[in-house]
Amino acid sequence: MSTKTISIAKDFHRAPAGRFISDGPYSGEAFKNNFLIPNLNDKNIDKLVIDLNGLMGVGSSFWDEAFSTLITEDHFKYEDLTQKIQFICSDDDTLIPLLNKYLKEAANV
């Protein structure tokens, strides 16, 4: 079983913001397109760990675009995402439930 960890703060940006690439290079769309989708589609990766530590005030538009649209626009299945993605965060105990909520709402679960 192969596991890959992506630290948003270290691998992408400490303060990502915006929904679309037109909003800036550290948008939810950029993170999804450059980090999430390629790794989710990689058959050699069984578990994708998303490290949420070290972030500074990320807005809802970033989270919504990065994660909800995996289901609503990119046609990933909720069950597959919840099996493959694991969120970790010791900095803020509200982030993991928030992201799980975005995924559930996108899937109407």
Protein backbone atom coordinates (compact mmCIF):
# COMPACT_ATOMS: atom_id res chain seq x y z
CA MET A 1 0.00 0.00 0.00
CA SER A 2 1.43 3.32 -1.05
CA THR A 3 0.71 6.49 0.89
CA LYS A 4 1.48 10.02 -0.25
CA THR A 5 1.25 13.04 2.03
CA ILE A 6 0.57 16.54 0.77
CA SER A 7 1.11 19.39 3.20
CA ILE A 8 -0.92 22.29 1.87
CA ALA A 9 1.20 24.78 3.86
CA LYS A 10 4.56 23.33 2.84
CA ASP A 11 3.85 22.01 -0.66
CA PHE A 12 1.40 24.66 -1.86
CA HIS A 13 1.04 27.81 0.29
CA ARG A 14 0.53 28.75 3.95
CA ALA A 15 -2.36 31.09 3.08
CA PRO A 16 -4.10 29.74 -0.02
CA ALA A 17 -7.02 31.86 -1.15
CA GLY A 18 -9.63 32.20 -3.82
CA ARG A 19 -11.78 29.83 -5.77
CA PHE A 20 -10.46 30.03 -9.32
CA ILE A 21 -7.02 30.27 -10.91
CA SER A 22 -8.10 33.72 -12.10
CA ASP A 23 -8.23 34.68 -8.38
CA GLY A 24 -4.54 33.89 -8.00
CA PRO A 25 -1.98 31.09 -8.18
CA TYR A 26 -2.88 29.68 -4.76
CA SER A 27 -6.57 29.12 -5.41
CA GLY A 28 -8.67 26.06 -4.69
CA GLU A 29 -8.85 25.31 -8.40
CA ALA A 30 -5.05 25.39 -8.70
CA PHE A 31 -4.63 23.08 -5.70
CA LYS A 32 -7.23 20.66 -7.02
CA ASN A 33 -5.83 20.61 -10.56
CA ASN A 34 -2.14 20.44 -9.62
CA PHE A 35 -2.21 18.31 -6.47
CA LEU A 36 -5.48 16.53 -5.81
CA ILE A 37 -6.57 15.22 -9.20
CA PRO A 38 -3.16 13.92 -10.34
CA ASN A 39 -2.64 12.10 -7.04
CA LEU A 40 -6.18 10.77 -6.84
CA ASN A 41 -5.83 9.37 -10.35
CA ASP A 42 -2.43 7.81 -9.63
CA LYS A 43 -3.05 4.06 -9.41
CA ASN A 44 0.17 3.65 -7.38
CA ILE A 45 -1.22 5.76 -4.51
CA ASP A 46 -3.64 3.95 -2.21
CA LYS A 47 -3.93 6.64 0.47
CA LEU A 48 -3.61 10.39 -0.02
CA VAL A 49 -2.96 12.14 3.29
CA ILE A 50 -3.81 15.84 3.25
CA ASP A 51 -1.92 17.64 6.01
CA LEU A 52 -3.84 20.75 7.07
CA ASN A 53 -1.32 21.93 9.67
CA GLY A 54 0.43 25.27 9.38
CA LEU A 55 -2.29 27.06 7.41
CA MET A 56 -3.22 30.66 8.03
CA GLY A 57 -6.91 31.56 7.69
CA VAL A 58 -8.11 29.72 4.61
CA GLY A 59 -11.44 30.89 3.20
CA SER A 60 -14.43 28.74 2.37
CA SER A 61 -14.15 29.41 -1.37
CA PHE A 62 -10.76 27.66 -1.43
CA TRP A 63 -12.09 24.60 0.43
CA ASP A 64 -15.26 24.40 -1.63
CA GLU A 65 -13.46 24.59 -4.96
CA ALA A 66 -10.66 22.23 -3.97
CA PHE A 67 -12.82 19.49 -2.48
CA SER A 68 -16.55 19.81 -3.26
CA THR A 69 -16.00 20.13 -6.99
CA LEU A 70 -14.10 16.84 -7.03
CA ILE A 71 -17.59 15.34 -6.78
CA THR A 72 -19.80 17.91 -8.49
CA GLU A 73 -17.57 18.71 -11.48
CA ASP A 74 -14.82 16.11 -11.72
CA HIS A 75 -17.12 13.12 -11.09
CA PHE A 76 -15.18 11.44 -8.30
CA LYS A 77 -17.40 9.30 -6.13
CA TYR A 78 -17.84 10.21 -2.49
CA GLU A 79 -17.13 6.64 -1.36
CA ASP A 80 -13.87 6.53 -3.34
CA LEU A 81 -12.72 9.89 -1.97
CA THR A 82 -13.44 8.93 1.63
CA GLN A 83 -11.49 5.70 1.13
CA LYS A 84 -8.49 7.35 -0.52
CA ILE A 85 -8.22 10.73 1.25
CA GLN A 86 -7.23 11.08 4.89
CA PHE A 87 -7.14 14.52 6.48
CA ILE A 88 -4.76 15.23 9.35
CA CYS A 89 -4.68 18.37 11.47
CA SER A 90 -3.54 19.10 14.99
CA ASP A 91 -3.66 22.91 14.59
CA ASP A 92 -7.41 23.38 14.23
CA ASP A 93 -9.98 20.79 15.30
CA THR A 94 -12.68 22.34 13.09
CA LEU A 95 -11.00 21.77 9.71
CA ILE A 96 -11.46 18.02 9.27
CA PRO A 97 -15.20 18.09 10.13
CA LEU A 98 -15.59 21.10 7.82
CA LEU A 99 -13.98 19.33 4.87
CA ASN A 100 -15.96 16.17 5.51
CA LYS A 101 -19.10 18.32 5.51
CA TYR A 102 -18.16 19.84 2.12
CA LEU A 103 -17.70 16.35 0.66
CA LYS A 104 -20.98 15.05 2.12
CA GLU A 105 -22.94 18.05 0.89
CA ALA A 106 -21.47 17.74 -2.60
CA ALA A 107 -22.50 14.07 -2.67
CA ASN A 108 -25.90 14.71 -1.05
CA VAL A 109 -25.05 12.16 1.63
